[in-house]
Amino acid sequence: MFIAKVVGNVWATRKHQELKDCKLLLVKAIDPYDPGRFSGETTLALDGGLGAGPGNVVLVVDEGGSARKVLGNPKCPVRTVVCGIIDQVSSKNEVKKYA
């Protein structure tokens, strides 16, 4: 799992039938205390039914079996799913609010 910022939407007019009702997002891993500081590659992820969109800070699961469990669909050809919209993170005496 990792924390990321949604940086865009993806539209696909033709998708695998198991993905037909799924929203596709572009996400990029961030430093949780400095959301303007990106790390790593931009990744394609399915929205796990949360309604996440550009600008949201999200929790991403990046492992196929777990991703399919989040979606509740063992047949879905997916690896990466947004499974939470993050309101804030805290560690020791530091708190960062996003919402």
PDB file of N, CA and C in Angstrom:
ATOM      1  N   MET A   1       0.847  -1.176   0.000  1.00  0.00           N
ATOM      2  CA  MET A   1       0.000   0.000   0.000  1.00  0.00           C
ATOM      3  C   MET A   1       0.890   1.237   0.000  1.00  0.00           C
ATOM      4  N   PHE A   2       0.344   2.315  -0.569  1.00  0.00           N
ATOM      5  CA  PHE A   2       1.067   3.575  -0.535  1.00  0.00           C
ATOM      6  C   PHE A   2       0.082   4.736  -0.579  1.00  0.00           C
ATOM      7  N   ILE A   3       0.569   5.907  -0.184  1.00  0.00           N
ATOM      8  CA  ILE A   3      -0.231   7.127  -0.219  1.00  0.00           C
ATOM      9  C   ILE A   3       0.102   7.858  -1.504  1.00  0.00           C
ATOM     10  N   ALA A   4      -0.943   8.313  -2.199  1.00  0.00           N
ATOM     11  CA  ALA A   4      -0.745   8.961  -3.492  1.00  0.00           C
ATOM     12  C   ALA A   4      -1.714  10.123  -3.654  1.00  0.00           C
ATOM     13  N   LYS A   5      -1.447  10.923  -4.658  1.00  0.00           N
ATOM     14  CA  LYS A   5      -2.360  11.996  -5.043  1.00  0.00           C
ATOM     15  C   LYS A   5      -2.925  11.629  -6.409  1.00  0.00           C
ATOM     16  N   VAL A   6      -4.228  11.808  -6.570  1.00  0.00           N
ATOM     17  CA  VAL A   6      -4.844  11.568  -7.876  1.00  0.00           C
ATOM     18  C   VAL A   6      -4.466  12.751  -8.766  1.00  0.00           C
ATOM     19  N   VAL A   7      -3.800  12.452  -9.880  1.00  0.00           N
ATOM     20  CA  VAL A   7      -3.321  13.512 -10.773  1.00  0.00           C
ATOM     21  C   VAL A   7      -4.100  13.572 -12.081  1.00  0.00           C
ATOM     22  N   GLY A   8      -5.037  12.648 -12.284  1.00  0.00           N
ATOM     23  CA  GLY A   8      -5.830  12.695 -13.508  1.00  0.00           C
ATOM     24  C   GLY A   8      -6.825  11.558 -13.617  1.00  0.00           C
ATOM     25  N   ASN A   9      -7.723  11.709 -14.574  1.00  0.00           N
ATOM     26  CA  ASN A   9      -8.698  10.674 -14.926  1.00  0.00           C
ATOM     27  C   ASN A   9      -8.269  10.019 -16.226  1.00  0.00           C
ATOM     28  N   VAL A  10      -8.716   8.799 -16.439  1.00  0.00           N
ATOM     29  CA  VAL A  10      -8.455   8.085 -17.690  1.00  0.00           C
ATOM     30  C   VAL A  10      -9.791   7.632 -18.250  1.00  0.00           C
ATOM     31  N   TRP A  11     -10.033   7.916 -19.516  1.00  0.00           N
ATOM     32  CA  TRP A  11     -11.251   7.463 -20.186  1.00  0.00           C
ATOM     33  C   TRP A  11     -10.871   6.390 -21.185  1.00  0.00           C
ATOM     34  N   ALA A  12     -11.605   5.288 -21.162  1.00  0.00           N
ATOM     35  CA  ALA A  12     -11.395   4.190 -22.100  1.00  0.00           C
ATOM     36  C   ALA A  12     -12.760   3.774 -22.634  1.00  0.00           C
ATOM     37  N   THR A  13     -12.956   3.932 -23.920  1.00  0.00           N
ATOM     38  CA  THR A  13     -14.250   3.573 -24.496  1.00  0.00           C
ATOM     39  C   THR A  13     -14.403   2.066 -24.636  1.00  0.00           C
ATOM     40  N   ARG A  14     -13.289   1.341 -24.657  1.00  0.00           N
ATOM     41  CA  ARG A  14     -13.344  -0.117 -24.728  1.00  0.00           C
ATOM     42  C   ARG A  14     -12.506  -0.678 -23.588  1.00  0.00           C
ATOM     43  N   LYS A  15     -13.161  -1.480 -22.726  1.00  0.00           N
ATOM     44  CA  LYS A  15     -12.484  -2.086 -21.582  1.00  0.00           C
ATOM     45  C   LYS A  15     -12.946  -3.532 -21.439  1.00  0.00           C
ATOM     46  N   HIS A  16     -12.157  -4.307 -20.733  1.00  0.00           N
ATOM     47  CA  HIS A  16     -12.545  -5.664 -20.363  1.00  0.00           C
ATOM     48  C   HIS A  16     -13.907  -5.589 -19.674  1.00  0.00           C
ATOM     49  N   GLN A  17     -14.778  -6.565 -19.908  1.00  0.00           N
ATOM     50  CA  GLN A  17     -16.144  -6.500 -19.375  1.00  0.00           C
ATOM     51  C   GLN A  17     -16.185  -6.388 -17.853  1.00  0.00           C
ATOM     52  N   GLU A  18     -15.207  -6.932 -17.146  1.00  0.00           N
ATOM     53  CA  GLU A  18     -15.181  -6.828 -15.682  1.00  0.00           C
ATOM     54  C   GLU A  18     -14.848  -5.404 -15.215  1.00  0.00           C
ATOM     55  N   LEU A  19     -14.350  -4.570 -16.127  1.00  0.00           N
ATOM     56  CA  LEU A  19     -13.983  -3.191 -15.787  1.00  0.00           C
ATOM     57  C   LEU A  19     -14.987  -2.170 -16.301  1.00  0.00           C
ATOM     58  N   LYS A  20     -16.075  -2.628 -16.909  1.00  0.00           N
ATOM     59  CA  LYS A  20     -16.984  -1.715 -17.617  1.00  0.00           C
ATOM     60  C   LYS A  20     -17.575  -0.617 -16.745  1.00  0.00           C
ATOM     61  N   ASP A  21     -17.806  -0.863 -15.470  1.00  0.00           N
ATOM     62  CA  ASP A  21     -18.380   0.161 -14.592  1.00  0.00           C
ATOM     63  C   ASP A  21     -17.343   0.788 -13.667  1.00  0.00           C
ATOM     64  N   CYS A  22     -16.071   0.559 -13.938  1.00  0.00           N
ATOM     65  CA  CYS A  22     -15.005   1.053 -13.064  1.00  0.00           C
ATOM     66  C   CYS A  22     -14.414   2.358 -13.585  1.00  0.00           C
ATOM     67  N   LYS A  23     -14.159   3.279 -12.659  1.00  0.00           N
ATOM     68  CA  LYS A  23     -13.522   4.553 -12.977  1.00  0.00           C
ATOM     69  C   LYS A  23     -12.011   4.358 -12.909  1.00  0.00           C
ATOM     70  N   LEU A  24     -11.302   4.856 -13.919  1.00  0.00           N
ATOM     71  CA  LEU A  24      -9.850   4.741 -13.972  1.00  0.00           C
ATOM     72  C   LEU A  24      -9.206   6.068 -13.588  1.00  0.00           C
ATOM     73  N   LEU A  25      -8.147   5.998 -12.790  1.00  0.00           N
ATOM     74  CA  LEU A  25      -7.463   7.189 -12.297  1.00  0.00           C
ATOM     75  C   LEU A  25      -5.959   7.077 -12.511  1.00  0.00           C
ATOM     76  N   LEU A  26      -5.308   8.223 -12.651  1.00  0.00           N
ATOM     77  CA  LEU A  26      -3.852   8.285 -12.611  1.00  0.00           C
ATOM     78  C   LEU A  26      -3.468   8.757 -11.217  1.00  0.00           C
ATOM     79  N   VAL A  27      -2.597   7.998 -10.551  1.00  0.00           N
ATOM     80  CA  VAL A  27      -2.151   8.362  -9.207  1.00  0.00           C
ATOM     81  C   VAL A  27      -0.628   8.408  -9.177  1.00  0.00           C
ATOM     82  N   LYS A  28      -0.108   9.235  -8.283  1.00  0.00           N
ATOM     83  CA  LYS A  28       1.340   9.334  -8.128  1.00  0.00           C
ATOM     84  C   LYS A  28       1.660   9.368  -6.639  1.00  0.00           C
ATOM     85  N   ALA A  29       2.591   8.504  -6.213  1.00  0.00           N
ATOM     86  CA  ALA A  29       2.980   8.428  -4.803  1.00  0.00           C
ATOM     87  C   ALA A  29       3.516   9.773  -4.330  1.00  0.00           C
ATOM     88  N   ILE A  30       3.199  10.113  -3.062  1.00  0.00           N
ATOM     89  CA  ILE A  30       3.646  11.381  -2.485  1.00  0.00           C
ATOM     90  C   ILE A  30       4.307  11.156  -1.133  1.00  0.00           C
ATOM     91  N   ASP A  31       4.999  12.184  -0.674  1.00  0.00           N
ATOM     92  CA  ASP A  31       5.463  12.259   0.708  1.00  0.00           C
ATOM     93  C   ASP A  31       4.242  12.683   1.518  1.00  0.00           C
ATOM     94  N   PRO A  32       3.776  11.891   2.485  1.00  0.00           N
ATOM     95  CA  PRO A  32       2.541  12.215   3.205  1.00  0.00           C
ATOM     96  C   PRO A  32       2.547  13.581   3.889  1.00  0.00           C
ATOM     97  N   TYR A  33       3.725  14.086   4.253  1.00  0.00           N
ATOM     98  CA  TYR A  33       3.786  15.379   4.930  1.00  0.00           C
ATOM     99  C   TYR A  33       4.082  16.528   3.980  1.00  0.00           C
ATOM    100  N   ASP A  34       4.336  16.218   2.724  1.00  0.00           N
ATOM    101  CA  ASP A  34       4.561  17.246   1.704  1.00  0.00           C
ATOM    102  C   ASP A  34       3.917  16.759   0.407  1.00  0.00           C
ATOM    103  N   PRO A  35       2.567  16.881   0.301  1.00  0.00           N
ATOM    104  CA  PRO A  35       1.859  16.305  -0.844  1.00  0.00           C
ATOM    105  C   PRO A  35       2.242  16.898  -2.194  1.00  0.00           C
ATOM    106  N   GLY A  36       3.009  17.980  -2.200  1.00  0.00           N
ATOM    107  CA  GLY A  36       3.498  18.530  -3.461  1.00  0.00           C
ATOM    108  C   GLY A  36       4.768  17.846  -3.928  1.00  0.00           C
ATOM    109  N   ARG A  37       5.324  16.984  -3.090  1.00  0.00           N
ATOM    110  CA  ARG A  37       6.569  16.278  -3.417  1.00  0.00           C
ATOM    111  C   ARG A  37       6.236  14.849  -3.847  1.00  0.00           C
ATOM    112  N   PHE A  38       6.300  14.622  -5.144  1.00  0.00           N
ATOM    113  CA  PHE A  38       5.975  13.307  -5.699  1.00  0.00           C
ATOM    114  C   PHE A  38       7.191  12.395  -5.666  1.00  0.00           C
ATOM    115  N   SER A  39       6.921  11.098  -5.612  1.00  0.00           N
ATOM    116  CA  SER A  39       7.993  10.106  -5.689  1.00  0.00           C
ATOM    117  C   SER A  39       7.511   8.957  -6.564  1.00  0.00           C
ATOM    118  N   GLY A  40       8.391   8.420  -7.341  1.00  0.00           N
ATOM    119  CA  GLY A  40       8.028   7.275  -8.166  1.00  0.00           C
ATOM    120  C   GLY A  40       7.295   7.639  -9.443  1.00  0.00           C
ATOM    121  N   GLU A  41       6.775   6.609 -10.074  1.00  0.00           N
ATOM    122  CA  GLU A  41       6.101   6.736 -11.362  1.00  0.00           C
ATOM    123  C   GLU A  41       4.617   7.033 -11.194  1.00  0.00           C
ATOM    124  N   THR A  42       4.024   7.572 -12.237  1.00  0.00           N
ATOM    125  CA  THR A  42       2.575   7.711 -12.282  1.00  0.00           C
ATOM    126  C   THR A  42       1.995   6.330 -12.569  1.00  0.00           C
ATOM    127  N   THR A  43       0.942   5.967 -11.856  1.00  0.00           N
ATOM    128  CA  THR A  43       0.361   4.629 -11.937  1.00  0.00           C
ATOM    129  C   THR A  43      -1.119   4.712 -12.274  1.00  0.00           C
ATOM    130  N   LEU A  44      -1.591   3.774 -13.065  1.00  0.00           N
ATOM    131  CA  LEU A  44      -3.017   3.653 -13.366  1.00  0.00           C
ATOM    132  C   LEU A  44      -3.665   2.829 -12.255  1.00  0.00           C
ATOM    133  N   ALA A  45      -4.778   3.334 -11.705  1.00  0.00           N
ATOM    134  CA  ALA A  45      -5.478   2.626 -10.629  1.00  0.00           C
ATOM    135  C   ALA A  45      -6.981   2.707 -10.843  1.00  0.00           C
ATOM    136  N   LEU A  46      -7.690   1.706 -10.382  1.00  0.00           N
ATOM    137  CA  LEU A  46      -9.154   1.743 -10.390  1.00  0.00           C
ATOM    138  C   LEU A  46      -9.636   2.422  -9.125  1.00  0.00           C
ATOM    139  N   ASP A  47     -10.688   3.210  -9.249  1.00  0.00           N
ATOM    140  CA  ASP A  47     -11.342   3.785  -8.074  1.00  0.00           C
ATOM    141  C   ASP A  47     -12.188   2.673  -7.467  1.00  0.00           C
ATOM    142  N   GLY A  48     -11.977   2.379  -6.210  1.00  0.00           N
ATOM    143  CA  GLY A  48     -12.707   1.299  -5.540  1.00  0.00           C
ATOM    144  C   GLY A  48     -14.112   1.690  -5.121  1.00  0.00           C
ATOM    145  N   GLY A  49     -14.792   2.504  -5.931  1.00  0.00           N
ATOM    146  CA  GLY A  49     -16.164   2.902  -5.637  1.00  0.00           C
ATOM    147  C   GLY A  49     -16.273   4.073  -4.682  1.00  0.00           C
ATOM    148  N   LEU A  50     -15.192   4.823  -4.518  1.00  0.00           N
ATOM    149  CA  LEU A  50     -15.163   5.924  -3.557  1.00  0.00           C
ATOM    150  C   LEU A  50     -15.491   7.280  -4.168  1.00  0.00           C
ATOM    151  N   GLY A  51     -15.386   7.387  -5.475  1.00  0.00           N
ATOM    152  CA  GLY A  51     -15.603   8.680  -6.124  1.00  0.00           C
ATOM    153  C   GLY A  51     -14.397   9.589  -6.028  1.00  0.00           C
ATOM    154  N   ALA A  52     -13.204   9.019  -5.911  1.00  0.00           N
ATOM    155  CA  ALA A  52     -11.982   9.824  -5.857  1.00  0.00           C
ATOM    156  C   ALA A  52     -11.768  10.522  -7.192  1.00  0.00           C
ATOM    157  N   GLY A  53     -11.110  11.670  -7.126  1.00  0.00           N
ATOM    158  CA  GLY A  53     -10.835  12.415  -8.342  1.00  0.00           C
ATOM    159  C   GLY A  53      -9.584  13.250  -8.191  1.00  0.00           C
ATOM    160  N   PRO A  54      -9.201  13.959  -9.249  1.00  0.00           N
ATOM    161  CA  PRO A  54      -7.979  14.764  -9.225  1.00  0.00           C
ATOM    162  C   PRO A  54      -7.917  15.677  -8.004  1.00  0.00           C
ATOM    163  N   GLY A  55      -6.750  15.657  -7.356  1.00  0.00           N
ATOM    164  CA  GLY A  55      -6.526  16.469  -6.171  1.00  0.00           C
ATOM    165  C   GLY A  55      -6.691  15.712  -4.870  1.00  0.00           C
ATOM    166  N   ASN A  56      -7.436  14.605  -4.881  1.00  0.00           N
ATOM    167  CA  ASN A  56      -7.611  13.820  -3.654  1.00  0.00           C
ATOM    168  C   ASN A  56      -6.310  13.115  -3.277  1.00  0.00           C
ATOM    169  N   VAL A  57      -6.044  13.031  -1.978  1.00  0.00           N
ATOM    170  CA  VAL A  57      -4.954  12.216  -1.452  1.00  0.00           C
ATOM    171  C   VAL A  57      -5.588  10.886  -1.061  1.00  0.00           C
ATOM    172  N   VAL A  58      -5.019   9.794  -1.558  1.00  0.00           N
ATOM    173  CA  VAL A  58      -5.679   8.493  -1.455  1.00  0.00           C
ATOM    174  C   VAL A  58      -4.736   7.404  -0.955  1.00  0.00           C
ATOM    175  N   LEU A  59      -5.352   6.324  -0.465  1.00  0.00           N
ATOM    176  CA  LEU A  59      -4.634   5.121  -0.079  1.00  0.00           C
ATOM    177  C   LEU A  59      -4.783   4.127  -1.225  1.00  0.00           C
ATOM    178  N   VAL A  60      -3.656   3.608  -1.690  1.00  0.00           N
ATOM    179  CA  VAL A  60      -3.653   2.737  -2.867  1.00  0.00           C
ATOM    180  C   VAL A  60      -3.113   1.363  -2.487  1.00  0.00           C
ATOM    181  N   VAL A  61      -3.829   0.321  -2.881  1.00  0.00           N
ATOM    182  CA  VAL A  61      -3.339  -1.044  -2.725  1.00  0.00           C
ATOM    183  C   VAL A  61      -2.800  -1.464  -4.090  1.00  0.00           C
ATOM    184  N   ASP A  62      -1.580  -2.029  -4.092  1.00  0.00           N
ATOM    185  CA  ASP A  62      -0.907  -2.360  -5.348  1.00  0.00           C
ATOM    186  C   ASP A  62      -0.484  -3.828  -5.339  1.00  0.00           C
ATOM    187  N   GLU A  63      -1.458  -4.704  -5.249  1.00  0.00           N
ATOM    188  CA  GLU A  63      -1.226  -6.143  -5.263  1.00  0.00           C
ATOM    189  C   GLU A  63      -2.524  -6.788  -5.723  1.00  0.00           C
ATOM    190  N   GLY A  64      -2.454  -7.596  -6.755  1.00  0.00           N
ATOM    191  CA  GLY A  64      -3.641  -8.118  -7.421  1.00  0.00           C
ATOM    192  C   GLY A  64      -4.690  -8.777  -6.553  1.00  0.00           C
ATOM    193  N   GLY A  65      -4.288  -9.724  -5.703  1.00  0.00           N
ATOM    194  CA  GLY A  65      -5.261 -10.425  -4.868  1.00  0.00           C
ATOM    195  C   GLY A  65      -5.999  -9.480  -3.931  1.00  0.00           C
ATOM    196  N   SER A  66      -5.255  -8.594  -3.293  1.00  0.00           N
ATOM    197  CA  SER A  66      -5.879  -7.621  -2.384  1.00  0.00           C
ATOM    198  C   SER A  66      -6.756  -6.646  -3.146  1.00  0.00           C
ATOM    199  N   ALA A  67      -6.312  -6.232  -4.325  1.00  0.00           N
ATOM    200  CA  ALA A  67      -7.100  -5.297  -5.138  1.00  0.00           C
ATOM    201  C   ALA A  67      -8.442  -5.918  -5.519  1.00  0.00           C
ATOM    202  N   ARG A  68      -8.435  -7.179  -5.902  1.00  0.00           N
ATOM    203  CA  ARG A  68      -9.688  -7.849  -6.266  1.00  0.00           C
ATOM    204  C   ARG A  68     -10.608  -7.995  -5.055  1.00  0.00           C
ATOM    205  N   LYS A  69     -10.034  -8.197  -3.862  1.00  0.00           N
ATOM    206  CA  LYS A  69     -10.859  -8.268  -2.643  1.00  0.00           C
ATOM    207  C   LYS A  69     -11.521  -6.927  -2.359  1.00  0.00           C
ATOM    208  N   VAL A  70     -10.792  -5.823  -2.561  1.00  0.00           N
ATOM    209  CA  VAL A  70     -11.372  -4.492  -2.358  1.00  0.00           C
ATOM    210  C   VAL A  70     -12.579  -4.315  -3.268  1.00  0.00           C
ATOM    211  N   LEU A  71     -12.464  -4.771  -4.507  1.00  0.00           N
ATOM    212  CA  LEU A  71     -13.550  -4.638  -5.479  1.00  0.00           C
ATOM    213  C   LEU A  71     -14.641  -5.684  -5.273  1.00  0.00           C
ATOM    214  N   GLY A  72     -14.327  -6.757  -4.549  1.00  0.00           N
ATOM    215  CA  GLY A  72     -15.301  -7.826  -4.353  1.00  0.00           C
ATOM    216  C   GLY A  72     -15.555  -8.623  -5.617  1.00  0.00           C
ATOM    217  N   ASN A  73     -14.542  -8.691  -6.493  1.00  0.00           N
ATOM    218  CA  ASN A  73     -14.700  -9.377  -7.768  1.00  0.00           C
ATOM    219  C   ASN A  73     -13.440 -10.191  -8.065  1.00  0.00           C
ATOM    220  N   PRO A  74     -13.460 -11.501  -7.823  1.00  0.00           N
ATOM    221  CA  PRO A  74     -12.272 -12.316  -8.045  1.00  0.00           C
ATOM    222  C   PRO A  74     -11.882 -12.471  -9.511  1.00  0.00           C
ATOM    223  N   LYS A  75     -12.767 -12.098 -10.435  1.00  0.00           N
ATOM    224  CA  LYS A  75     -12.477 -12.226 -11.864  1.00  0.00           C
ATOM    225  C   LYS A  75     -11.889 -10.958 -12.476  1.00  0.00           C
ATOM    226  N   CYS A  76     -11.883  -9.872 -11.739  1.00  0.00           N
ATOM    227  CA  CYS A  76     -11.463  -8.581 -12.284  1.00  0.00           C
ATOM    228  C   CYS A  76      -9.951  -8.566 -12.561  1.00  0.00           C
ATOM    229  N   PRO A  77      -9.549  -8.230 -13.792  1.00  0.00           N
ATOM    230  CA  PRO A  77      -8.128  -8.202 -14.141  1.00  0.00           C
ATOM    231  C   PRO A  77      -7.484  -6.895 -13.670  1.00  0.00           C
ATOM    232  N   VAL A  78      -7.187  -6.816 -12.382  1.00  0.00           N
ATOM    233  CA  VAL A  78      -6.699  -5.564 -11.809  1.00  0.00           C
ATOM    234  C   VAL A  78      -5.588  -5.843 -10.804  1.00  0.00           C
ATOM    235  N   ARG A  79      -4.698  -4.897 -10.674  1.00  0.00           N
ATOM    236  CA  ARG A  79      -3.617  -4.979  -9.688  1.00  0.00           C
ATOM    237  C   ARG A  79      -3.669  -3.814  -8.703  1.00  0.00           C
ATOM    238  N   THR A  80      -4.048  -2.616  -9.176  1.00  0.00           N
ATOM    239  CA  THR A  80      -3.930  -1.403  -8.373  1.00  0.00           C
ATOM    240  C   THR A  80      -5.291  -0.737  -8.190  1.00  0.00           C
ATOM    241  N   VAL A  81      -5.692  -0.519  -6.920  1.00  0.00           N
ATOM    242  CA  VAL A  81      -7.009   0.037  -6.611  1.00  0.00           C
ATOM    243  C   VAL A  81      -6.879   1.112  -5.531  1.00  0.00           C
ATOM    244  N   VAL A  82      -7.611   2.210  -5.717  1.00  0.00           N
ATOM    245  CA  VAL A  82      -7.742   3.219  -4.670  1.00  0.00           C
ATOM    246  C   VAL A  82      -8.757   2.675  -3.668  1.00  0.00           C
ATOM    247  N   CYS A  83      -8.324   2.493  -2.411  1.00  0.00           N
ATOM    248  CA  CYS A  83      -9.206   1.885  -1.407  1.00  0.00           C
ATOM    249  C   CYS A  83      -9.555   2.844  -0.274  1.00  0.00           C
ATOM    250  N   GLY A  84      -9.102   4.098  -0.358  1.00  0.00           N
ATOM    251  CA  GLY A  84      -9.449   5.076   0.667  1.00  0.00           C
ATOM    252  C   GLY A  84      -9.098   6.482   0.234  1.00  0.00           C
ATOM    253  N   ILE A  85      -9.907   7.450   0.685  1.00  0.00           N
ATOM    254  CA  ILE A  85      -9.589   8.866   0.511  1.00  0.00           C
ATOM    255  C   ILE A  85      -9.130   9.350   1.880  1.00  0.00           C
ATOM    256  N   ILE A  86      -7.913   9.875   1.948  1.00  0.00           N
ATOM    257  CA  ILE A  86      -7.288  10.222   3.224  1.00  0.00           C
ATOM    258  C   ILE A  86      -7.642  11.650   3.630  1.00  0.00           C
ATOM    259  N   ASP A  87      -8.095  11.796   4.873  1.00  0.00           N
ATOM    260  CA  ASP A  87      -8.396  13.116   5.432  1.00  0.00           C
ATOM    261  C   ASP A  87      -7.177  13.724   6.114  1.00  0.00           C
ATOM    262  N   GLN A  88      -6.413  12.890   6.826  1.00  0.00           N
ATOM    263  CA  GLN A  88      -5.208  13.385   7.493  1.00  0.00           C
ATOM    264  C   GLN A  88      -4.306  12.224   7.855  1.00  0.00           C
ATOM    265  N   VAL A  89      -3.025  12.530   8.075  1.00  0.00           N
ATOM    266  CA  VAL A  89      -2.064  11.560   8.598  1.00  0.00           C
ATOM    267  C   VAL A  89      -1.402  12.192   9.819  1.00  0.00           C
ATOM    268  N   SER A  90      -0.994  11.346  10.761  1.00  0.00           N
ATOM    269  CA  SER A  90      -0.281  11.857  11.928  1.00  0.00           C
ATOM    270  C   SER A  90       0.797  10.864  12.332  1.00  0.00           C
ATOM    271  N   SER A  91       1.896  11.412  12.808  1.00  0.00           N
ATOM    272  CA  SER A  91       3.008  10.608  13.275  1.00  0.00           C
ATOM    273  C   SER A  91       3.740  11.421  14.333  1.00  0.00           C
ATOM    274  N   LYS A  92       3.843  10.858  15.511  1.00  0.00           N
ATOM    275  CA  LYS A  92       4.447  11.560  16.647  1.00  0.00           C
ATOM    276  C   LYS A  92       3.700  12.863  16.873  1.00  0.00           C
ATOM    277  N   ASN A  93       4.346  14.000  16.743  1.00  0.00           N
ATOM    278  CA  ASN A  93       3.695  15.290  16.989  1.00  0.00           C
ATOM    279  C   ASN A  93       3.314  16.014  15.709  1.00  0.00           C
ATOM    280  N   GLU A  94       3.435  15.354  14.576  1.00  0.00           N
ATOM    281  CA  GLU A  94       3.173  16.002  13.292  1.00  0.00           C
ATOM    282  C   GLU A  94       1.848  15.508  12.713  1.00  0.00           C
ATOM    283  N   VAL A  95       0.992  16.450  12.316  1.00  0.00           N
ATOM    284  CA  VAL A  95      -0.294  16.123  11.703  1.00  0.00           C
ATOM    285  C   VAL A  95      -0.400  16.892  10.398  1.00  0.00           C
ATOM    286  N   LYS A  96      -0.818  16.199   9.345  1.00  0.00           N
ATOM    287  CA  LYS A  96      -1.046  16.840   8.049  1.00  0.00           C
ATOM    288  C   LYS A  96      -2.482  16.553   7.651  1.00  0.00           C
ATOM    289  N   LYS A  97      -3.286  17.618   7.476  1.00  0.00           N
ATOM    290  CA  LYS A  97      -4.685  17.477   7.068  1.00  0.00           C
ATOM    291  C   LYS A  97      -4.809  17.749   5.578  1.00  0.00           C
ATOM    292  N   TYR A  98      -5.625  16.933   4.910  1.00  0.00           N
ATOM    293  CA  TYR A  98      -5.849  17.085   3.473  1.00  0.00           C
ATOM    294  C   TYR A  98      -7.253  17.569   3.169  1.00  0.00           C
ATOM    295  N   ALA A  99      -8.214  17.256   4.028  1.00  0.00           N
ATOM    296  CA  ALA A  99      -9.613  17.600   3.743  1.00  0.00           C
ATOM    297  C   ALA A  99     -10.039  18.845   4.488  1.00  0.00           C
TER     298      ALA A  99
END
